[in-house]
PDB file of N, CA and C in Angstrom:
ATOM      1  N   MET A   1    -144.934  54.954 -51.839  1.00  0.00           N
ATOM      2  CA  MET A   1    -144.970  56.153 -52.629  1.00  0.00           C
ATOM      3  C   MET A   1    -146.425  56.462 -53.015  1.00  0.00           C
ATOM      4  N   LYS A   2    -147.219  55.472 -53.172  1.00  0.00           N
ATOM      5  CA  LYS A   2    -148.601  55.655 -53.548  1.00  0.00           C
ATOM      6  C   LYS A   2    -149.372  56.527 -52.495  1.00  0.00           C
ATOM      7  N   ASN A   3    -149.130  56.238 -51.193  1.00  0.00           N
ATOM      8  CA  ASN A   3    -149.763  57.054 -50.122  1.00  0.00           C
ATOM      9  C   ASN A   3    -149.250  58.479 -50.135  1.00  0.00           C
ATOM     10  N   ARG A   4    -148.011  58.664 -50.294  1.00  0.00           N
ATOM     11  CA  ARG A   4    -147.439  59.990 -50.262  1.00  0.00           C
ATOM     12  C   ARG A   4    -147.905  60.817 -51.515  1.00  0.00           C
ATOM     13  N   SER A   5    -148.078  60.120 -52.642  1.00  0.00           N
ATOM     14  CA  SER A   5    -148.492  60.816 -53.834  1.00  0.00           C
ATOM     15  C   SER A   5    -149.959  61.259 -53.701  1.00  0.00           C
ATOM     16  N   GLU A   6    -150.703  60.619 -52.861  1.00  0.00           N
ATOM     17  CA  GLU A   6    -152.117  61.080 -52.706  1.00  0.00           C
ATOM     18  C   GLU A   6    -152.219  62.370 -51.892  1.00  0.00           C
ATOM     19  N   LYS A   7    -151.100  62.773 -51.265  1.00  0.00           N
ATOM     20  CA  LYS A   7    -151.084  64.027 -50.499  1.00  0.00           C
ATOM     21  C   LYS A   7    -150.887  65.280 -51.364  1.00  0.00           C
ATOM     22  N   ILE A   8    -150.598  65.041 -52.616  1.00  0.00           N
ATOM     23  CA  ILE A   8    -150.471  66.180 -53.562  1.00  0.00           C
ATOM     24  C   ILE A   8    -151.682  66.214 -54.473  1.00  0.00           C
ATOM     25  N   SER A   9    -152.135  67.425 -54.780  1.00  0.00           N
ATOM     26  CA  SER A   9    -153.414  67.576 -55.488  1.00  0.00           C
ATOM     27  C   SER A   9    -153.160  68.263 -56.875  1.00  0.00           C
ATOM     28  N   LEU A  10    -153.934  67.766 -57.797  1.00  0.00           N
ATOM     29  CA  LEU A  10    -153.896  68.386 -59.180  1.00  0.00           C
ATOM     30  C   LEU A  10    -154.443  69.839 -59.083  1.00  0.00           C
ATOM     31  N   ASN A  11    -153.857  70.699 -59.818  1.00  0.00           N
ATOM     32  CA  ASN A  11    -154.247  72.140 -59.909  1.00  0.00           C
ATOM     33  C   ASN A  11    -154.172  72.883 -58.585  1.00  0.00           C
ATOM     34  N   LYS A  12    -153.567  72.291 -57.591  1.00  0.00           N
ATOM     35  CA  LYS A  12    -153.361  72.993 -56.300  1.00  0.00           C
ATOM     36  C   LYS A  12    -151.883  72.984 -55.834  1.00  0.00           C
ATOM     37  N   SER A  13    -151.337  71.775 -55.885  1.00  0.00           N
ATOM     38  CA  SER A  13    -149.909  71.621 -55.451  1.00  0.00           C
ATOM     39  C   SER A  13    -148.972  72.207 -56.486  1.00  0.00           C
ATOM     40  N   ASN A  14    -147.848  72.766 -55.948  1.00  0.00           N
ATOM     41  CA  ASN A  14    -146.829  73.256 -56.852  1.00  0.00           C
ATOM     42  C   ASN A  14    -145.523  72.433 -56.633  1.00  0.00           C
ATOM     43  N   LYS A  15    -144.491  72.831 -57.275  1.00  0.00           N
ATOM     44  CA  LYS A  15    -143.236  72.060 -57.215  1.00  0.00           C
ATOM     45  C   LYS A  15    -142.666  72.038 -55.823  1.00  0.00           C
ATOM     46  N   ASN A  16    -142.767  73.106 -55.075  1.00  0.00           N
ATOM     47  CA  ASN A  16    -142.289  73.179 -53.710  1.00  0.00           C
ATOM     48  C   ASN A  16    -143.109  72.241 -52.808  1.00  0.00           C
ATOM     49  N   ASP A  17    -144.410  72.163 -52.968  1.00  0.00           N
ATOM     50  CA  ASP A  17    -145.248  71.209 -52.199  1.00  0.00           C
ATOM     51  C   ASP A  17    -144.822  69.766 -52.505  1.00  0.00           C
ATOM     52  N   VAL A  18    -144.552  69.475 -53.749  1.00  0.00           N
ATOM     53  CA  VAL A  18    -144.186  68.117 -54.159  1.00  0.00           C
ATOM     54  C   VAL A  18    -142.827  67.769 -53.532  1.00  0.00           C
ATOM     55  N   ILE A  19    -141.879  68.673 -53.538  1.00  0.00           N
ATOM     56  CA  ILE A  19    -140.581  68.404 -52.933  1.00  0.00           C
ATOM     57  C   ILE A  19    -140.706  68.172 -51.444  1.00  0.00           C
ATOM     58  N   LYS A  20    -141.611  68.893 -50.807  1.00  0.00           N
ATOM     59  CA  LYS A  20    -141.777  68.684 -49.378  1.00  0.00           C
ATOM     60  C   LYS A  20    -142.369  67.281 -49.042  1.00  0.00           C
ATOM     61  N   VAL A  21    -143.240  66.796 -49.917  1.00  0.00           N
ATOM     62  CA  VAL A  21    -143.903  65.515 -49.689  1.00  0.00           C
ATOM     63  C   VAL A  21    -142.999  64.335 -50.244  1.00  0.00           C
ATOM     64  N   LEU A  22    -142.505  64.459 -51.384  1.00  0.00           N
ATOM     65  CA  LEU A  22    -141.786  63.316 -52.087  1.00  0.00           C
ATOM     66  C   LEU A  22    -140.272  63.493 -52.147  1.00  0.00           C
ATOM     67  N   GLY A  23    -139.765  64.710 -51.924  1.00  0.00           N
ATOM     68  CA  GLY A  23    -138.378  64.971 -52.064  1.00  0.00           C
ATOM     69  C   GLY A  23    -138.133  65.371 -53.535  1.00  0.00           C
ATOM     70  N   TYR A  24    -136.845  65.563 -53.860  1.00  0.00           N
ATOM     71  CA  TYR A  24    -136.485  65.941 -55.230  1.00  0.00           C
ATOM     72  C   TYR A  24    -136.694  64.725 -56.155  1.00  0.00           C
ATOM     73  N   PRO A  25    -137.046  65.037 -57.429  1.00  0.00           N
ATOM     74  CA  PRO A  25    -137.322  63.931 -58.347  1.00  0.00           C
ATOM     75  C   PRO A  25    -136.052  63.146 -58.624  1.00  0.00           C
ATOM     76  N   HIS A  26    -136.230  61.841 -58.913  1.00  0.00           N
ATOM     77  CA  HIS A  26    -135.091  60.969 -59.283  1.00  0.00           C
ATOM     78  C   HIS A  26    -134.540  61.452 -60.625  1.00  0.00           C
ATOM     79  N   THR A  27    -135.382  61.853 -61.555  1.00  0.00           N
ATOM     80  CA  THR A  27    -134.950  62.366 -62.807  1.00  0.00           C
ATOM     81  C   THR A  27    -136.011  63.293 -63.387  1.00  0.00           C
ATOM     82  N   LYS A  28    -135.562  64.165 -64.272  1.00  0.00           N
ATOM     83  CA  LYS A  28    -136.465  65.047 -64.980  1.00  0.00           C
ATOM     84  C   LYS A  28    -136.307  64.717 -66.500  1.00  0.00           C
ATOM     85  N   SER A  29    -137.325  65.075 -67.244  1.00  0.00           N
ATOM     86  CA  SER A  29    -137.299  64.850 -68.713  1.00  0.00           C
ATOM     87  C   SER A  29    -136.138  65.722 -69.321  1.00  0.00           C
ATOM     88  N   ILE A  30    -135.552  65.175 -70.330  1.00  0.00           N
ATOM     89  CA  ILE A  30    -134.462  65.848 -71.022  1.00  0.00           C
ATOM     90  C   ILE A  30    -134.948  67.119 -71.678  1.00  0.00           C
ATOM     91  N   ASP A  31    -136.147  67.053 -72.343  1.00  0.00           N
ATOM     92  CA  ASP A  31    -136.609  68.226 -73.069  1.00  0.00           C
ATOM     93  C   ASP A  31    -137.555  69.081 -72.271  1.00  0.00           C
ATOM     94  N   ASP A  32    -138.107  68.600 -71.127  1.00  0.00           N
ATOM     95  CA  ASP A  32    -139.099  69.343 -70.420  1.00  0.00           C
ATOM     96  C   ASP A  32    -138.778  69.377 -68.892  1.00  0.00           C
ATOM     97  N   GLU A  33    -138.375  70.466 -68.410  1.00  0.00           N
ATOM     98  CA  GLU A  33    -138.097  70.593 -66.978  1.00  0.00           C
ATOM     99  C   GLU A  33    -139.299  70.383 -66.083  1.00  0.00           C
ATOM    100  N   ASN A  34    -140.473  70.413 -66.676  1.00  0.00           N
ATOM    101  CA  ASN A  34    -141.746  70.331 -65.924  1.00  0.00           C
ATOM    102  C   ASN A  34    -142.273  68.893 -65.894  1.00  0.00           C
ATOM    103  N   LEU A  35    -141.492  67.947 -66.312  1.00  0.00           N
ATOM    104  CA  LEU A  35    -141.891  66.528 -66.298  1.00  0.00           C
ATOM    105  C   LEU A  35    -140.896  65.819 -65.354  1.00  0.00           C
ATOM    106  N   TRP A  36    -141.489  65.402 -64.169  1.00  0.00           N
ATOM    107  CA  TRP A  36    -140.620  64.830 -63.141  1.00  0.00           C
ATOM    108  C   TRP A  36    -140.990  63.291 -62.958  1.00  0.00           C
ATOM    109  N   PHE A  37    -139.927  62.492 -62.658  1.00  0.00           N
ATOM    110  CA  PHE A  37    -140.148  61.042 -62.473  1.00  0.00           C
ATOM    111  C   PHE A  37    -139.665  60.618 -61.092  1.00  0.00           C
ATOM    112  N   TYR A  38    -140.435  59.829 -60.449  1.00  0.00           N
ATOM    113  CA  TYR A  38    -140.041  59.199 -59.110  1.00  0.00           C
ATOM    114  C   TYR A  38    -140.137  57.699 -59.289  1.00  0.00           C
ATOM    115  N   PHE A  39    -139.124  56.981 -58.709  1.00  0.00           N
ATOM    116  CA  PHE A  39    -139.099  55.564 -58.771  1.00  0.00           C
ATOM    117  C   PHE A  39    -139.058  55.005 -57.365  1.00  0.00           C
ATOM    118  N   ASP A  40    -139.751  53.861 -57.173  1.00  0.00           N
ATOM    119  CA  ASP A  40    -139.731  53.179 -55.869  1.00  0.00           C
ATOM    120  C   ASP A  40    -139.696  51.692 -56.144  1.00  0.00           C
ATOM    121  N   ARG A  41    -138.624  51.052 -55.678  1.00  0.00           N
ATOM    122  CA  ARG A  41    -138.444  49.661 -55.972  1.00  0.00           C
ATOM    123  C   ARG A  41    -138.016  48.955 -54.657  1.00  0.00           C
ATOM    124  N   LYS A  42    -138.694  47.812 -54.378  1.00  0.00           N
ATOM    125  CA  LYS A  42    -138.372  47.034 -53.165  1.00  0.00           C
ATOM    126  C   LYS A  42    -138.072  45.607 -53.644  1.00  0.00           C
ATOM    127  N   ILE A  43    -136.837  45.174 -53.227  1.00  0.00           N
ATOM    128  CA  ILE A  43    -136.393  43.828 -53.589  1.00  0.00           C
ATOM    129  C   ILE A  43    -136.059  43.065 -52.299  1.00  0.00           C
ATOM    130  N   ALA A  44    -136.462  41.818 -52.264  1.00  0.00           N
ATOM    131  CA  ALA A  44    -136.133  40.957 -51.135  1.00  0.00           C
ATOM    132  C   ALA A  44    -135.384  39.779 -51.632  1.00  0.00           C
ATOM    133  N   SER A  45    -134.493  39.231 -50.761  1.00  0.00           N
ATOM    134  CA  SER A  45    -133.738  38.045 -51.097  1.00  0.00           C
ATOM    135  C   SER A  45    -134.647  36.881 -51.106  1.00  0.00           C
ATOM    136  N   GLY A  46    -134.268  35.833 -51.878  1.00  0.00           N
ATOM    137  CA  GLY A  46    -135.073  34.643 -51.997  1.00  0.00           C
ATOM    138  C   GLY A  46    -134.982  33.739 -50.832  1.00  0.00           C
ATOM    139  N   LYS A  47    -135.504  32.506 -50.994  1.00  0.00           N
ATOM    140  CA  LYS A  47    -135.527  31.529 -49.920  1.00  0.00           C
ATOM    141  C   LYS A  47    -134.084  31.072 -49.663  1.00  0.00           C
ATOM    142  N   LEU A  48    -133.906  30.499 -48.468  1.00  0.00           N
ATOM    143  CA  LEU A  48    -132.616  30.045 -48.015  1.00  0.00           C
ATOM    144  C   LEU A  48    -132.057  29.009 -49.019  1.00  0.00           C
ATOM    145  N   VAL A  49    -132.910  28.171 -49.610  1.00  0.00           N
ATOM    146  CA  VAL A  49    -132.451  27.141 -50.518  1.00  0.00           C
ATOM    147  C   VAL A  49    -131.841  27.738 -51.780  1.00  0.00           C
ATOM    148  N   ARG A  50    -132.343  28.892 -52.177  1.00  0.00           N
ATOM    149  CA  ARG A  50    -131.864  29.500 -53.454  1.00  0.00           C
ATOM    150  C   ARG A  50    -131.097  30.808 -53.107  1.00  0.00           C
ATOM    151  N   LEU A  51    -129.986  30.641 -52.528  1.00  0.00           N
ATOM    152  CA  LEU A  51    -129.160  31.809 -52.174  1.00  0.00           C
ATOM    153  C   LEU A  51    -128.852  32.691 -53.356  1.00  0.00           C
ATOM    154  N   GLY A  52    -128.920  33.958 -53.235  1.00  0.00           N
ATOM    155  CA  GLY A  52    -128.555  34.877 -54.275  1.00  0.00           C
ATOM    156  C   GLY A  52    -129.740  35.277 -55.139  1.00  0.00           C
ATOM    157  N   ASP A  53    -130.855  34.527 -55.098  1.00  0.00           N
ATOM    158  CA  ASP A  53    -132.021  34.908 -55.882  1.00  0.00           C
ATOM    159  C   ASP A  53    -132.642  36.123 -55.253  1.00  0.00           C
ATOM    160  N   MET A  54    -133.100  37.047 -56.106  1.00  0.00           N
ATOM    161  CA  MET A  54    -133.784  38.273 -55.658  1.00  0.00           C
ATOM    162  C   MET A  54    -135.239  38.269 -56.194  1.00  0.00           C
ATOM    163  N   ASN A  55    -136.172  38.661 -55.357  1.00  0.00           N
ATOM    164  CA  ASN A  55    -137.542  38.810 -55.789  1.00  0.00           C
ATOM    165  C   ASN A  55    -137.932  40.274 -55.781  1.00  0.00           C
ATOM    166  N   LEU A  56    -138.577  40.706 -56.849  1.00  0.00           N
ATOM    167  CA  LEU A  56    -139.032  42.090 -56.934  1.00  0.00           C
ATOM    168  C   LEU A  56    -140.422  42.140 -56.309  1.00  0.00           C
ATOM    169  N   LEU A  57    -140.484  42.896 -55.162  1.00  0.00           N
ATOM    170  CA  LEU A  57    -141.747  42.988 -54.441  1.00  0.00           C
ATOM    171  C   LEU A  57    -142.592  44.186 -54.967  1.00  0.00           C
ATOM    172  N   GLU A  58    -141.950  45.315 -55.165  1.00  0.00           N
ATOM    173  CA  GLU A  58    -142.648  46.478 -55.682  1.00  0.00           C
ATOM    174  C   GLU A  58    -141.806  47.217 -56.695  1.00  0.00           C
ATOM    175  N   ASN A  59    -142.379  47.732 -57.693  1.00  0.00           N
ATOM    176  CA  ASN A  59    -141.697  48.507 -58.739  1.00  0.00           C
ATOM    177  C   ASN A  59    -142.651  49.572 -59.189  1.00  0.00           C
ATOM    178  N   ASN A  60    -142.656  50.747 -58.540  1.00  0.00           N
ATOM    179  CA  ASN A  60    -143.568  51.787 -58.792  1.00  0.00           C
ATOM    180  C   ASN A  60    -142.895  52.960 -59.482  1.00  0.00           C
ATOM    181  N   VAL A  61    -143.624  53.644 -60.380  1.00  0.00           N
ATOM    182  CA  VAL A  61    -143.195  54.857 -61.066  1.00  0.00           C
ATOM    183  C   VAL A  61    -144.267  55.896 -60.922  1.00  0.00           C
ATOM    184  N   LEU A  62    -143.862  57.095 -60.558  1.00  0.00           N
ATOM    185  CA  LEU A  62    -144.814  58.212 -60.448  1.00  0.00           C
ATOM    186  C   LEU A  62    -144.279  59.294 -61.436  1.00  0.00           C
ATOM    187  N   ILE A  63    -145.180  59.720 -62.337  1.00  0.00           N
ATOM    188  CA  ILE A  63    -144.819  60.730 -63.306  1.00  0.00           C
ATOM    189  C   ILE A  63    -145.699  61.975 -63.023  1.00  0.00           C
ATOM    190  N   LEU A  64    -145.023  63.100 -62.817  1.00  0.00           N
ATOM    191  CA  LEU A  64    -145.699  64.360 -62.535  1.00  0.00           C
ATOM    192  C   LEU A  64    -145.399  65.361 -63.620  1.00  0.00           C
ATOM    193  N   ASN A  65    -146.469  66.071 -64.041  1.00  0.00           N
ATOM    194  CA  ASN A  65    -146.296  67.068 -65.100  1.00  0.00           C
ATOM    195  C   ASN A  65    -146.789  68.389 -64.528  1.00  0.00           C
ATOM    196  N   PHE A  66    -145.999  69.453 -64.648  1.00  0.00           N
ATOM    197  CA  PHE A  66    -146.352  70.768 -64.165  1.00  0.00           C
ATOM    198  C   PHE A  66    -146.564  71.752 -65.275  1.00  0.00           C
ATOM    199  N   ASP A  67    -147.324  72.756 -65.060  1.00  0.00           N
ATOM    200  CA  ASP A  67    -147.550  73.818 -66.097  1.00  0.00           C
ATOM    201  C   ASP A  67    -146.368  74.774 -65.991  1.00  0.00           C
ATOM    202  N   LYS A  68    -146.404  75.801 -66.861  1.00  0.00           N
ATOM    203  CA  LYS A  68    -145.286  76.771 -66.856  1.00  0.00           C
ATOM    204  C   LYS A  68    -145.126  77.579 -65.603  1.00  0.00           C
ATOM    205  N   TYR A  69    -146.180  77.538 -64.744  1.00  0.00           N
ATOM    206  CA  TYR A  69    -146.132  78.313 -63.473  1.00  0.00           C
ATOM    207  C   TYR A  69    -145.713  77.400 -62.276  1.00  0.00           C
ATOM    208  N   GLY A  70    -145.455  76.053 -62.598  1.00  0.00           N
ATOM    209  CA  GLY A  70    -145.058  75.136 -61.521  1.00  0.00           C
ATOM    210  C   GLY A  70    -146.198  74.497 -60.770  1.00  0.00           C
ATOM    211  N   ILE A  71    -147.422  74.569 -61.339  1.00  0.00           N
ATOM    212  CA  ILE A  71    -148.562  73.947 -60.669  1.00  0.00           C
ATOM    213  C   ILE A  71    -148.756  72.520 -61.298  1.00  0.00           C
ATOM    214  N   LEU A  72    -149.043  71.516 -60.465  1.00  0.00           N
ATOM    215  CA  LEU A  72    -149.211  70.158 -60.894  1.00  0.00           C
ATOM    216  C   LEU A  72    -150.494  70.048 -61.735  1.00  0.00           C
ATOM    217  N   ILE A  73    -150.334  69.575 -62.988  1.00  0.00           N
ATOM    218  CA  ILE A  73    -151.487  69.444 -63.846  1.00  0.00           C
ATOM    219  C   ILE A  73    -151.817  67.987 -64.274  1.00  0.00           C
ATOM    220  N   LYS A  74    -150.870  67.100 -64.032  1.00  0.00           N
ATOM    221  CA  LYS A  74    -151.059  65.726 -64.396  1.00  0.00           C
ATOM    222  C   LYS A  74    -150.195  64.822 -63.508  1.00  0.00           C
ATOM    223  N   LYS A  75    -150.822  63.712 -63.031  1.00  0.00           N
ATOM    224  CA  LYS A  75    -150.148  62.801 -62.104  1.00  0.00           C
ATOM    225  C   LYS A  75    -150.508  61.402 -62.582  1.00  0.00           C
ATOM    226  N   GLU A  76    -149.498  60.568 -62.879  1.00  0.00           N
ATOM    227  CA  GLU A  76    -149.695  59.199 -63.298  1.00  0.00           C
ATOM    228  C   GLU A  76    -148.892  58.276 -62.388  1.00  0.00           C
ATOM    229  N   PHE A  77    -149.541  57.229 -61.883  1.00  0.00           N
ATOM    230  CA  PHE A  77    -148.874  56.230 -60.990  1.00  0.00           C
ATOM    231  C   PHE A  77    -148.919  54.867 -61.714  1.00  0.00           C
ATOM    232  N   PHE A  78    -147.765  54.226 -61.815  1.00  0.00           N
ATOM    233  CA  PHE A  78    -147.728  52.894 -62.414  1.00  0.00           C
ATOM    234  C   PHE A  78    -147.117  51.934 -61.408  1.00  0.00           C
ATOM    235  N   SER A  79    -147.824  50.821 -61.175  1.00  0.00           N
ATOM    236  CA  SER A  79    -147.314  49.764 -60.289  1.00  0.00           C
ATOM    237  C   SER A  79    -146.656  48.679 -61.093  1.00  0.00           C
ATOM    238  N   LYS A  80    -146.154  47.691 -60.386  1.00  0.00           N
ATOM    239  CA  LYS A  80    -145.517  46.557 -61.051  1.00  0.00           C
ATOM    240  C   LYS A  80    -146.503  45.830 -61.985  1.00  0.00           C
ATOM    241  N   GLU A  81    -147.775  45.736 -61.574  1.00  0.00           N
ATOM    242  CA  GLU A  81    -148.777  45.081 -62.410  1.00  0.00           C
ATOM    243  C   GLU A  81    -149.077  45.859 -63.650  1.00  0.00           C
ATOM    244  N   ASP A  82    -149.132  47.213 -63.480  1.00  0.00           N
ATOM    245  CA  ASP A  82    -149.403  48.105 -64.659  1.00  0.00           C
ATOM    246  C   ASP A  82    -148.272  47.943 -65.687  1.00  0.00           C
ATOM    247  N   MET A  83    -147.082  47.829 -65.231  1.00  0.00           N
ATOM    248  CA  MET A  83    -145.906  47.753 -66.155  1.00  0.00           C
ATOM    249  C   MET A  83    -145.921  46.491 -66.892  1.00  0.00           C
ATOM    250  N   LYS A  84    -146.465  45.421 -66.330  1.00  0.00           N
ATOM    251  CA  LYS A  84    -146.543  44.117 -67.084  1.00  0.00           C
ATOM    252  C   LYS A  84    -147.409  44.231 -68.308  1.00  0.00           C
ATOM    253  N   LYS A  85    -148.356  45.167 -68.299  1.00  0.00           N
ATOM    254  CA  LYS A  85    -149.320  45.361 -69.428  1.00  0.00           C
ATOM    255  C   LYS A  85    -148.696  46.191 -70.535  1.00  0.00           C
ATOM    256  N   ILE A  86    -147.599  46.930 -70.289  1.00  0.00           N
ATOM    257  CA  ILE A  86    -146.990  47.770 -71.318  1.00  0.00           C
ATOM    258  C   ILE A  86    -146.245  46.923 -72.333  1.00  0.00           C
ATOM    259  N   LYS A  87    -146.471  47.221 -73.620  1.00  0.00           N
ATOM    260  CA  LYS A  87    -145.810  46.486 -74.664  1.00  0.00           C
ATOM    261  C   LYS A  87    -144.621  47.364 -75.152  1.00  0.00           C
ATOM    262  N   TYR A  88    -143.488  46.764 -75.160  1.00  0.00           N
ATOM    263  CA  TYR A  88    -142.270  47.466 -75.539  1.00  0.00           C
ATOM    264  C   TYR A  88    -141.894  47.102 -76.939  1.00  0.00           C
ATOM    265  N   SER A  89    -141.317  48.063 -77.702  1.00  0.00           N
ATOM    266  CA  SER A  89    -140.941  47.871 -79.066  1.00  0.00           C
ATOM    267  C   SER A  89    -139.714  46.889 -79.134  1.00  0.00           C
ATOM    268  N   GLU A  90    -139.677  46.052 -80.123  1.00  0.00           N
ATOM    269  CA  GLU A  90    -138.592  45.108 -80.294  1.00  0.00           C
ATOM    270  C   GLU A  90    -137.529  45.758 -81.155  1.00  0.00           C
ATOM    271  N   MET A  91    -137.768  46.906 -81.730  1.00  0.00           N
ATOM    272  CA  MET A  91    -136.855  47.538 -82.666  1.00  0.00           C
ATOM    273  C   MET A  91    -135.615  48.040 -81.897  1.00  0.00           C
ATOM    274  N   LYS A  92    -134.495  48.000 -82.615  1.00  0.00           N
ATOM    275  CA  LYS A  92    -133.196  48.476 -82.054  1.00  0.00           C
ATOM    276  C   LYS A  92    -132.640  49.460 -83.038  1.00  0.00           C
ATOM    277  N   THR A  93    -131.911  50.428 -82.574  1.00  0.00           N
ATOM    278  CA  THR A  93    -131.187  51.315 -83.377  1.00  0.00           C
ATOM    279  C   THR A  93    -129.751  50.899 -83.376  1.00  0.00           C
ATOM    280  N   GLU A  94    -129.251  50.539 -84.516  1.00  0.00           N
ATOM    281  CA  GLU A  94    -127.844  50.164 -84.630  1.00  0.00           C
ATOM    282  C   GLU A  94    -126.977  51.351 -84.810  1.00  0.00           C
ATOM    283  N   ASN A  95    -125.895  51.427 -84.098  1.00  0.00           N
ATOM    284  CA  ASN A  95    -124.948  52.523 -84.207  1.00  0.00           C
ATOM    285  C   ASN A  95    -123.502  51.966 -84.228  1.00  0.00           C
ATOM    286  N   PRO A  96    -122.962  51.942 -85.440  1.00  0.00           N
ATOM    287  CA  PRO A  96    -121.604  51.345 -85.571  1.00  0.00           C
ATOM    288  C   PRO A  96    -120.530  52.093 -84.747  1.00  0.00           C
ATOM    289  N   VAL A  97    -120.745  53.350 -84.415  1.00  0.00           N
ATOM    290  CA  VAL A  97    -119.767  54.097 -83.673  1.00  0.00           C
ATOM    291  C   VAL A  97    -119.600  53.594 -82.239  1.00  0.00           C
ATOM    292  N   THR A  98    -120.745  53.188 -81.671  1.00  0.00           N
ATOM    293  CA  THR A  98    -120.691  52.833 -80.264  1.00  0.00           C
ATOM    294  C   THR A  98    -120.842  51.331 -80.044  1.00  0.00           C
ATOM    295  N   GLN A  99    -120.428  50.547 -81.026  1.00  0.00           N
ATOM    296  CA  GLN A  99    -120.521  49.059 -80.812  1.00  0.00           C
ATOM    297  C   GLN A  99    -119.546  48.659 -79.755  1.00  0.00           C
ATOM    298  N   ASP A 100    -119.988  47.647 -78.956  1.00  0.00           N
ATOM    299  CA  ASP A 100    -119.133  47.148 -77.825  1.00  0.00           C
ATOM    300  C   ASP A 100    -117.906  46.370 -78.367  1.00  0.00           C
ATOM    301  N   SER A 101    -116.843  46.478 -77.594  1.00  0.00           N
ATOM    302  CA  SER A 101    -115.689  45.719 -77.960  1.00  0.00           C
ATOM    303  C   SER A 101    -115.886  44.195 -77.588  1.00  0.00           C
ATOM    304  N   PHE A 102    -115.015  43.377 -77.992  1.00  0.00           N
ATOM    305  CA  PHE A 102    -115.133  41.938 -77.659  1.00  0.00           C
ATOM    306  C   PHE A 102    -115.127  41.754 -76.118  1.00  0.00           C
ATOM    307  N   VAL A 103    -114.268  42.430 -75.422  1.00  0.00           N
ATOM    308  CA  VAL A 103    -114.227  42.287 -73.985  1.00  0.00           C
ATOM    309  C   VAL A 103    -115.490  42.694 -73.315  1.00  0.00           C
ATOM    310  N   THR A 104    -116.059  43.835 -73.769  1.00  0.00           N
ATOM    311  CA  THR A 104    -117.347  44.358 -73.219  1.00  0.00           C
ATOM    312  C   THR A 104    -118.429  43.302 -73.458  1.00  0.00           C
ATOM    313  N   SER A 105    -118.546  42.794 -74.677  1.00  0.00           N
ATOM    314  CA  SER A 105    -119.543  41.787 -74.997  1.00  0.00           C
ATOM    315  C   SER A 105    -119.400  40.569 -74.150  1.00  0.00           C
ATOM    316  N   PHE A 106    -118.135  40.111 -73.986  1.00  0.00           N
ATOM    317  CA  PHE A 106    -117.879  38.900 -73.168  1.00  0.00           C
ATOM    318  C   PHE A 106    -118.301  39.111 -71.702  1.00  0.00           C
ATOM    319  N   LEU A 107    -117.952  40.256 -71.145  1.00  0.00           N
ATOM    320  CA  LEU A 107    -118.315  40.539 -69.763  1.00  0.00           C
ATOM    321  C   LEU A 107    -119.797  40.698 -69.566  1.00  0.00           C
ATOM    322  N   GLN A 108    -120.480  41.266 -70.534  1.00  0.00           N
ATOM    323  CA  GLN A 108    -121.956  41.369 -70.428  1.00  0.00           C
ATOM    324  C   GLN A 108    -122.597  39.979 -70.517  1.00  0.00           C
ATOM    325  N   SER A 109    -122.018  39.090 -71.305  1.00  0.00           N
ATOM    326  CA  SER A 109    -122.574  37.737 -71.396  1.00  0.00           C
ATOM    327  C   SER A 109    -122.365  36.999 -70.096  1.00  0.00           C
ATOM    328  N   VAL A 110    -121.238  37.175 -69.432  1.00  0.00           N
ATOM    329  CA  VAL A 110    -120.990  36.567 -68.153  1.00  0.00           C
ATOM    330  C   VAL A 110    -121.966  37.097 -67.093  1.00  0.00           C
ATOM    331  N   ARG A 111    -122.170  38.388 -67.124  1.00  0.00           N
ATOM    332  CA  ARG A 111    -123.094  39.057 -66.178  1.00  0.00           C
ATOM    333  C   ARG A 111    -124.498  38.508 -66.362  1.00  0.00           C
ATOM    334  N   GLN A 112    -124.945  38.344 -67.624  1.00  0.00           N
ATOM    335  CA  GLN A 112    -126.293  37.828 -67.881  1.00  0.00           C
ATOM    336  C   GLN A 112    -126.440  36.400 -67.359  1.00  0.00           C
ATOM    337  N   LYS A 113    -125.388  35.606 -67.488  1.00  0.00           N
ATOM    338  CA  LYS A 113    -125.448  34.201 -66.968  1.00  0.00           C
ATOM    339  C   LYS A 113    -125.477  34.181 -65.472  1.00  0.00           C
ATOM    340  N   MET A 114    -124.744  35.089 -64.817  1.00  0.00           N
ATOM    341  CA  MET A 114    -124.729  35.147 -63.336  1.00  0.00           C
ATOM    342  C   MET A 114    -126.078  35.567 -62.816  1.00  0.00           C
ATOM    343  N   TYR A 115    -126.679  36.589 -63.427  1.00  0.00           N
ATOM    344  CA  TYR A 115    -127.919  37.140 -62.885  1.00  0.00           C
ATOM    345  C   TYR A 115    -129.171  36.620 -63.595  1.00  0.00           C
ATOM    346  N   GLY A 116    -128.995  35.763 -64.627  1.00  0.00           N
ATOM    347  CA  GLY A 116    -130.102  35.334 -65.402  1.00  0.00           C
ATOM    348  C   GLY A 116    -131.184  34.590 -64.670  1.00  0.00           C
ATOM    349  N   LYS A 117    -130.882  33.871 -63.582  1.00  0.00           N
ATOM    350  CA  LYS A 117    -131.901  33.089 -62.931  1.00  0.00           C
ATOM    351  C   LYS A 117    -132.618  33.864 -61.836  1.00  0.00           C
ATOM    352  N   ARG A 118    -132.306  35.109 -61.605  1.00  0.00           N
ATOM    353  CA  ARG A 118    -133.005  35.935 -60.623  1.00  0.00           C
ATOM    354  C   ARG A 118    -134.414  36.227 -61.060  1.00  0.00           C
ATOM    355  N   LYS A 119    -135.338  36.234 -60.092  1.00  0.00           N
ATOM    356  CA  LYS A 119    -136.755  36.568 -60.410  1.00  0.00           C
ATOM    357  C   LYS A 119    -137.059  37.972 -60.077  1.00  0.00           C
ATOM    358  N   PHE A 120    -137.235  38.779 -61.151  1.00  0.00           N
ATOM    359  CA  PHE A 120    -137.569  40.190 -60.930  1.00  0.00           C
ATOM    360  C   PHE A 120    -138.952  40.416 -61.327  1.00  0.00           C
TER     361      PHE A 120
END
């Protein structure tokens, strides 16, 4: 994705140019139709000795921002290494209306134990 993203230029490329080079965005911002996100993830299976283990080779995110005329004004590329530097908030929003049932909590716990040893 990094090579393809270099084919689009700030203040020159428009939404149609971006779609030709990168395809349609994986997602758009909820509040802003001019903020597009592209994701590129490559995963490989682990060694023969550790069957089922998955290794994350690449995890790239490209964020494109367009002006009201559809011209690209901002382009940000984040690699796997860049994302390791990002600090995430530990805060949680509790919502009693959408709390998980016992069955859902149990199944999530089983899934975490199944996939917990994978290296991403």
